Amino acid sequence: MATVSNWIDHLNKPAEEVAGAVYPGVGSEGILVLILAVIWIGWTVVSAKQESDKLSELARRKPSSNAWKSNMTDG
C-alpha cells in the first residue's frame, strides 16, 4: 500500500498515476445493493404475512363492542 505524505499533491495527480483504491471493496457496491434489496423485499414479505395472520386471527375471534372493558390483553 502506498504512503501519502502530501494529500493535496496526491489529489492533484492524474488518475493514471494514482495507484490503488481509496477504500477496500471497490466495485462490490452493485452486488451489495442487490443483496440488500433481496433482504429488504424478503423481510417486507415475511412481516406482511405475519401481520396478516395476526389480523386474521383477531378477526376470527369477533370481539364484542364491550370487550375492551375486560382489560385483558391479547398477547
C-alpha atoms as a PDB file:
ATOM      1  CA  MET A   1       0.000   0.000   0.000  1.00  0.00           C
ATOM      2  CA  ALA A   2       1.319   3.415  -0.935  1.00  0.00           C
ATOM      3  CA  THR A   3       2.030   6.040   1.671  1.00  0.00           C
ATOM      4  CA  VAL A   4       0.731   9.539   1.085  1.00  0.00           C
ATOM      5  CA  SER A   5       2.800  12.293   2.656  1.00  0.00           C
ATOM      6  CA  ASN A   6       1.149  15.268   0.948  1.00  0.00           C
ATOM      7  CA  TRP A   7      -2.568  14.754   0.402  1.00  0.00           C
ATOM      8  CA  ILE A   8      -3.087  17.847  -1.812  1.00  0.00           C
ATOM      9  CA  ASP A   9      -0.378  16.725  -4.250  1.00  0.00           C
ATOM     10  CA  HIS A  10      -1.834  13.241  -4.246  1.00  0.00           C
ATOM     11  CA  LEU A  11      -5.336  14.520  -5.131  1.00  0.00           C
ATOM     12  CA  ASN A  12      -3.984  16.732  -7.936  1.00  0.00           C
ATOM     13  CA  LYS A  13      -2.292  13.840  -9.750  1.00  0.00           C
ATOM     14  CA  PRO A  14      -3.905  12.411 -12.876  1.00  0.00           C
ATOM     15  CA  ALA A  15      -5.934   9.245 -12.345  1.00  0.00           C
ATOM     16  CA  GLU A  16      -3.384   7.110 -14.178  1.00  0.00           C
ATOM     17  CA  GLU A  17      -0.669   7.950 -11.634  1.00  0.00           C
ATOM     18  CA  VAL A  18      -2.735   7.243  -8.541  1.00  0.00           C
ATOM     19  CA  ALA A  19      -2.276   3.580  -7.710  1.00  0.00           C
ATOM     20  CA  GLY A  20      -4.753   1.596  -5.667  1.00  0.00           C
ATOM     21  CA  ALA A  21      -8.240   2.097  -4.423  1.00  0.00           C
ATOM     22  CA  VAL A  22      -9.280   4.705  -1.907  1.00  0.00           C
ATOM     23  CA  TYR A  23     -11.247   2.170   0.160  1.00  0.00           C
ATOM     24  CA  PRO A  24     -11.440  -1.635   0.278  1.00  0.00           C
ATOM     25  CA  GLY A  25     -14.126  -3.416  -1.696  1.00  0.00           C
ATOM     26  CA  VAL A  26     -14.212  -1.075  -4.669  1.00  0.00           C
ATOM     27  CA  GLY A  27     -16.514  -2.490  -7.311  1.00  0.00           C
ATOM     28  CA  SER A  28     -18.659  -4.543  -4.951  1.00  0.00           C
ATOM     29  CA  GLU A  29     -21.274  -1.829  -4.377  1.00  0.00           C
ATOM     30  CA  GLY A  30     -23.648  -3.172  -7.018  1.00  0.00           C
ATOM     31  CA  ILE A  31     -23.625  -6.660  -5.539  1.00  0.00           C
ATOM     32  CA  LEU A  32     -24.137  -5.287  -2.035  1.00  0.00           C
ATOM     33  CA  VAL A  33     -27.098  -3.166  -3.163  1.00  0.00           C
ATOM     34  CA  LEU A  34     -28.630  -6.199  -4.889  1.00  0.00           C
ATOM     35  CA  ILE A  35     -28.200  -8.318  -1.743  1.00  0.00           C
ATOM     36  CA  LEU A  36     -29.722  -5.545   0.364  1.00  0.00           C
ATOM     37  CA  ALA A  37     -32.713  -5.242  -1.992  1.00  0.00           C
ATOM     38  CA  VAL A  38     -33.361  -9.005  -1.805  1.00  0.00           C
ATOM     39  CA  ILE A  39     -33.150  -8.967   2.009  1.00  0.00           C
ATOM     40  CA  TRP A  40     -35.408  -5.898   2.217  1.00  0.00           C
ATOM     41  CA  ILE A  41     -38.069  -7.394  -0.069  1.00  0.00           C
ATOM     42  CA  GLY A  42     -37.898 -10.722   1.783  1.00  0.00           C
ATOM     43  CA  TRP A  43     -38.255  -9.022   5.160  1.00  0.00           C
ATOM     44  CA  THR A  44     -41.221  -6.997   3.878  1.00  0.00           C
ATOM     45  CA  VAL A  45     -42.987 -10.116   2.573  1.00  0.00           C
ATOM     46  CA  VAL A  46     -42.398 -12.060   5.811  1.00  0.00           C
ATOM     47  CA  SER A  47     -43.552  -9.213   8.057  1.00  0.00           C
ATOM     48  CA  ALA A  48     -46.648  -8.598   5.903  1.00  0.00           C
ATOM     49  CA  LYS A  49     -47.548 -12.296   6.144  1.00  0.00           C
ATOM     50  CA  GLN A  50     -47.117 -12.298   9.929  1.00  0.00           C
ATOM     51  CA  GLU A  51     -49.225  -9.158  10.338  1.00  0.00           C
ATOM     52  CA  SER A  52     -51.926 -10.555   8.049  1.00  0.00           C
ATOM     53  CA  ASP A  53     -52.056 -13.804  10.036  1.00  0.00           C
ATOM     54  CA  LYS A  54     -52.342 -11.905  13.316  1.00  0.00           C
ATOM     55  CA  LEU A  55     -55.137  -9.670  11.994  1.00  0.00           C
ATOM     56  CA  SER A  56     -56.981 -12.699  10.589  1.00  0.00           C
ATOM     57  CA  GLU A  57     -56.770 -14.389  13.984  1.00  0.00           C
ATOM     58  CA  LEU A  58     -58.174 -11.312  15.698  1.00  0.00           C
ATOM     59  CA  ALA A  59     -60.948 -11.018  13.112  1.00  0.00           C
ATOM     60  CA  ARG A  60     -61.951 -14.667  13.630  1.00  0.00           C
ATOM     61  CA  ARG A  61     -62.482 -14.038  17.342  1.00  0.00           C
ATOM     62  CA  LYS A  62     -65.011 -11.272  16.600  1.00  0.00           C
ATOM     63  CA  PRO A  63     -64.686  -9.350  19.864  1.00  0.00           C
ATOM     64  CA  SER A  64     -67.843  -7.640  21.072  1.00  0.00           C
ATOM     65  CA  SER A  65     -68.141  -3.897  21.449  1.00  0.00           C
ATOM     66  CA  ASN A  66     -67.680  -4.234  25.230  1.00  0.00           C
ATOM     67  CA  ALA A  67     -64.562  -6.451  25.050  1.00  0.00           C
ATOM     68  CA  TRP A  68     -62.274  -3.528  25.871  1.00  0.00           C
ATOM     69  CA  LYS A  69     -63.848  -3.285  29.364  1.00  0.00           C
ATOM     70  CA  SER A  70     -62.388  -6.621  30.496  1.00  0.00           C
ATOM     71  CA  ASN A  71     -58.852  -5.176  30.437  1.00  0.00           C
ATOM     72  CA  MET A  72     -57.449  -8.463  29.144  1.00  0.00           C
ATOM     73  CA  THR A  73     -54.505  -8.369  26.733  1.00  0.00           C
ATOM     74  CA  ASP A  74     -54.416 -10.464  23.587  1.00  0.00           C
ATOM     75  CA  GLY A  75     -50.694 -11.137  23.920  1.00  0.00           C
END
